[in-house]
């Protein structure tokens, strides 16, 4: 990409993801924010628990979000390199890879891509005129209908941006007027209960059933 006029930046969060901004893409000085969210096998398994439709996903590369201070006048490019893919799963090579993108978290579309030296290394072309882009690269079974992939991308993105929590309410063993209320993520339930017990909060109901919170909910 060095032969093209513009700026190429490697993500500090994932060395296998690069952003290329062509010269005069914005016309004025602006701020760009590139965020990378990795999805581990354990995290994907927890998503499947909440949404069985995601059980068809064989692997997920990092989720890339780009926020621009201004609308770009030219297409912006994101390089997704091979090492960012989940290759330790034997199912991967029998599936098909799709690069999806959405602007402002609305309609998911198949991205225009250019394949690089290795077939698994691609450049995703993001169309001009938007302030926010999110890219998801998923590996699906070859038999999975292509027309259903956008809905899978949307469901996956919803799971990524929600938090599964439980509510814990406990009273103090020596003074039932003292109460502790905690709303915590599922992965710290045990630590929270042990902390409350160590401080004398042992009375009260069992933890609530799991429920989901989206950003901004109260």
Protein backbone atom coordinates (compact mmCIF):
# COMPACT_ATOMS: atom_id res chain seq x y z
CA UNK A 1 0.00 0.00 0.00
CA UNK A 2 2.99 2.33 0.19
CA UNK A 3 2.79 2.96 -3.57
CA UNK A 4 -0.56 4.76 -3.19
CA UNK A 5 -0.82 8.39 -2.00
CA UNK A 6 -2.29 8.46 1.47
CA UNK A 7 -1.68 7.26 5.01
CA UNK A 8 -1.38 3.64 6.16
CA UNK A 9 -1.71 2.94 9.90
CA UNK A 10 -1.27 -0.35 11.74
CA UNK A 11 -3.64 -0.94 14.64
CA UNK A 12 -1.92 -0.87 18.04
CA UNK A 13 -4.51 -3.35 19.35
CA UNK A 14 -4.10 -5.92 16.57
CA UNK A 15 -0.96 -5.95 14.41
CA UNK A 16 -2.82 -7.85 11.69
CA UNK A 17 -5.26 -5.02 10.98
CA UNK A 18 -4.23 -1.95 8.97
CA UNK A 19 -6.12 1.19 8.00
CA UNK A 20 -5.42 3.04 4.75
CA UNK A 21 -6.77 6.56 4.21
CA UNK A 22 -6.23 7.98 0.70
CA UNK A 23 -4.94 11.52 0.31
CA UNK A 24 -7.63 14.22 0.71
CA UNK A 25 -10.20 11.62 1.77
CA UNK A 26 -11.73 14.14 4.19
CA UNK A 27 -10.74 17.48 2.74
CA UNK A 28 -10.09 18.88 6.21
CA UNK A 29 -8.20 17.78 9.30
CA UNK A 30 -10.29 15.31 11.30
CA UNK A 31 -10.02 12.66 14.01
CA UNK A 32 -10.19 8.92 13.31
CA UNK A 33 -10.89 6.30 15.97
CA UNK A 34 -10.09 2.67 15.13
CA UNK A 35 -11.27 0.05 17.61
CA UNK A 36 -10.60 -3.69 17.51
CA UNK A 37 -12.54 -6.24 19.56
CA UNK A 38 -11.23 -9.80 19.62
CA UNK A 39 -13.69 -12.68 19.90
CA UNK A 40 -12.25 -15.75 21.63
CA UNK A 41 -13.70 -19.23 21.27
CA UNK A 42 -14.99 -18.96 24.83
CA UNK A 43 -16.70 -15.65 24.08
CA UNK A 44 -18.28 -17.04 20.93
CA UNK A 45 -19.55 -20.03 22.93
CA UNK A 46 -21.23 -17.65 25.39
CA UNK A 47 -22.89 -15.83 22.47
CA UNK A 48 -24.23 -19.13 21.15
CA UNK A 49 -25.71 -19.80 24.58
CA UNK A 50 -27.72 -16.59 24.26
CA UNK A 51 -28.59 -16.97 20.57
CA UNK A 52 -28.70 -20.45 19.04
CA UNK A 53 -28.72 -18.96 15.53
CA UNK A 54 -25.02 -18.21 16.04
CA UNK A 55 -24.24 -21.92 16.41
CA UNK A 56 -23.54 -22.02 12.65
CA UNK A 57 -20.55 -19.70 12.99
CA UNK A 58 -17.29 -21.62 12.68
CA UNK A 59 -14.94 -18.74 13.53
CA UNK A 60 -14.88 -14.97 13.92
CA UNK A 61 -12.02 -12.61 13.24
CA UNK A 62 -11.61 -9.43 15.23
CA UNK A 63 -14.47 -6.93 15.06
CA UNK A 64 -13.24 -3.63 13.61
CA UNK A 65 -15.01 -0.31 14.19
CA UNK A 66 -13.93 2.93 12.54
CA UNK A 67 -15.39 6.27 13.64
CA UNK A 68 -14.61 9.39 11.64
CA UNK A 69 -14.94 12.98 12.77
CA UNK A 70 -16.12 13.90 9.25
CA UNK A 71 -17.69 12.04 6.33
CA UNK A 72 -14.94 10.75 4.00
CA UNK A 73 -15.18 11.73 0.35
CA UNK A 74 -13.21 8.69 -0.78
CA UNK A 75 -13.31 4.98 0.01
CA UNK A 76 -11.30 3.91 3.06
CA UNK A 77 -9.54 0.55 3.18
CA UNK A 78 -9.06 -1.90 6.06
CA UNK A 79 -6.54 -4.73 5.70
CA UNK A 80 -7.47 -7.99 7.47
CA UNK A 81 -4.39 -10.19 7.59
CA UNK A 82 -4.36 -13.98 7.83
CA UNK A 83 -3.00 -14.21 11.38
CA UNK A 84 -6.12 -12.49 12.73
CA UNK A 85 -8.23 -15.53 11.78
CA UNK A 86 -9.05 -18.48 14.02
CA UNK A 87 -6.99 -21.23 12.45
CA UNK A 88 -6.89 -23.72 15.31
CA UNK A 89 -10.34 -25.02 14.47
CA UNK A 90 -10.40 -27.79 11.89
CA UNK A 91 -13.83 -26.67 10.73
CA UNK A 92 -12.37 -23.44 9.40
CA UNK A 93 -10.92 -24.85 6.19
CA UNK A 94 -14.21 -26.54 5.26
CA UNK A 95 -16.20 -23.34 5.53
CA UNK A 96 -16.59 -20.10 3.64
CA UNK A 97 -15.46 -16.66 4.79
CA UNK A 98 -17.67 -13.57 4.53
CA UNK A 99 -16.67 -9.98 5.16
CA UNK A 100 -19.64 -7.92 6.31
CA UNK A 101 -19.89 -4.23 7.13
CA UNK A 102 -22.51 -1.82 8.42
CA UNK A 103 -22.63 1.95 8.64
CA UNK A 104 -23.99 3.52 11.83
CA UNK A 105 -25.08 0.05 13.03
CA UNK A 106 -27.94 -0.24 10.54
CA UNK A 107 -28.11 -2.56 7.53
CA UNK A 108 -25.43 -5.25 7.19
CA UNK A 109 -24.00 -5.68 3.69
CA UNK A 110 -21.40 -7.83 1.96
CA UNK A 111 -18.20 -5.80 1.67
CA UNK A 112 -16.28 -5.23 -1.53
CA UNK A 113 -12.90 -6.88 -0.99
CA UNK A 114 -9.59 -7.23 -2.78
CA UNK A 115 -7.59 -10.40 -2.15
CA UNK A 116 -3.91 -9.91 -1.38
CA UNK A 117 -0.90 -12.21 -1.76
CA UNK A 118 -2.51 -14.91 0.39
CA UNK A 119 -6.14 -15.76 -0.27
CA UNK A 120 -6.97 -15.25 3.40
CA UNK A 121 -5.50 -11.73 3.43
CA UNK A 122 -8.05 -9.22 2.17
CA UNK A 123 -8.59 -5.49 1.89
CA UNK A 124 -12.11 -4.39 2.76
CA UNK A 125 -13.26 -1.35 0.80
CA UNK A 126 -15.51 0.97 2.84
CA UNK A 127 -17.69 3.33 0.78
CA UNK A 128 -17.45 7.10 1.30
CA UNK A 129 -20.01 9.27 3.02
CA UNK A 130 -20.37 7.66 6.46
CA UNK A 131 -19.01 8.54 9.89
CA UNK A 132 -19.05 5.05 11.41
CA UNK A 133 -18.24 1.63 9.99
CA UNK A 134 -18.19 -1.79 11.65
CA UNK A 135 -16.60 -4.80 9.96
CA UNK A 136 -17.21 -8.42 10.90
CA UNK A 137 -15.48 -11.37 9.19
CA UNK A 138 -17.18 -14.70 9.85
CA UNK A 139 -16.52 -18.25 8.69
CA UNK A 140 -19.70 -20.19 7.93
CA UNK A 141 -20.34 -23.72 6.63
CA UNK A 142 -20.24 -23.91 2.84
CA UNK A 143 -23.82 -25.19 2.88
CA UNK A 144 -25.10 -22.18 4.86
CA UNK A 145 -27.31 -19.92 2.67
CA UNK A 146 -25.44 -16.73 1.75
CA UNK A 147 -28.62 -14.66 1.95
CA UNK A 148 -28.86 -15.47 5.69
CA UNK A 149 -25.35 -14.26 6.53
CA UNK A 150 -26.36 -10.57 7.08
CA UNK A 151 -28.82 -11.59 9.79
CA UNK A 152 -26.07 -13.66 11.45
CA UNK A 153 -23.75 -10.63 11.40
CA UNK A 154 -26.46 -8.48 12.95
CA UNK A 155 -27.22 -11.03 15.71
CA UNK A 156 -23.51 -11.42 16.46
CA UNK A 157 -23.03 -7.65 16.71
CA UNK A 158 -25.97 -7.38 19.12
CA UNK A 159 -24.44 -10.08 21.33
CA UNK A 160 -21.06 -8.35 21.29
CA UNK A 161 -22.58 -5.07 22.45
CA UNK A 162 -24.79 -6.44 25.21
CA UNK A 163 -23.79 -7.53 28.68
CA UNK A 164 -25.28 -10.61 30.35
CA UNK A 165 -25.73 -9.93 34.07
CA UNK A 166 -27.38 -11.26 37.21
CA UNK A 167 -28.70 -9.48 40.27
CA UNK A 168 -27.51 -10.46 43.76
CA UNK A 169 -29.31 -9.21 46.87
CA UNK A 170 -27.97 -10.15 50.32
CA UNK A 171 -28.63 -9.07 53.92
CA UNK A 172 -26.03 -8.91 56.67
CA UNK A 173 -26.07 -11.95 58.95
CA UNK A 174 -25.93 -9.81 62.13
CA UNK A 175 -28.13 -6.92 61.01
CA UNK A 176 -30.82 -7.68 58.42
CA UNK A 177 -31.37 -3.95 57.89
CA UNK A 178 -28.00 -3.84 56.15
CA UNK A 179 -28.41 -4.92 52.54
CA UNK A 180 -26.11 -5.24 49.58
CA UNK A 181 -27.33 -5.17 45.97
CA UNK A 182 -25.02 -6.07 43.11
CA UNK A 183 -25.65 -6.38 39.35
CA UNK A 184 -22.67 -8.22 37.91
CA UNK A 185 -21.48 -9.99 34.76
CA UNK A 186 -21.78 -13.77 34.75
CA UNK A 187 -18.00 -14.29 34.88
CA UNK A 188 -17.60 -12.55 38.28
CA UNK A 189 -20.63 -14.02 40.08
CA UNK A 190 -18.56 -16.40 42.19
CA UNK A 191 -16.05 -13.73 43.22
CA UNK A 192 -18.86 -11.34 44.13
CA UNK A 193 -20.63 -13.91 46.30
CA UNK A 194 -17.38 -14.75 48.08
CA UNK A 195 -16.67 -11.06 48.68
CA UNK A 196 -20.14 -10.46 50.14
CA UNK A 197 -19.87 -13.57 52.32
CA UNK A 198 -16.49 -12.42 53.63
CA UNK A 199 -18.11 -9.17 54.71
CA UNK A 200 -21.04 -10.82 56.48
CA UNK A 201 -23.68 -10.60 53.73
CA UNK A 202 -24.94 -14.17 53.68
CA UNK A 203 -28.72 -13.95 54.06
CA UNK A 204 -31.21 -13.58 51.25
CA UNK A 205 -32.36 -15.14 47.99
CA UNK A 206 -30.25 -16.92 45.40
CA UNK A 207 -28.95 -14.85 42.51
CA UNK A 208 -31.48 -13.91 39.85
CA UNK A 209 -31.77 -15.47 36.44
CA UNK A 210 -29.50 -14.02 33.77
CA UNK A 211 -30.71 -11.01 31.81
CA UNK A 212 -29.14 -8.74 29.21
CA UNK A 213 -28.32 -5.05 29.33
CA UNK A 214 -27.62 -2.92 26.29
CA UNK A 215 -25.47 0.19 26.42
CA UNK A 216 -27.49 3.10 27.79
CA UNK A 217 -30.07 0.98 29.60
CA UNK A 218 -30.74 1.63 33.28
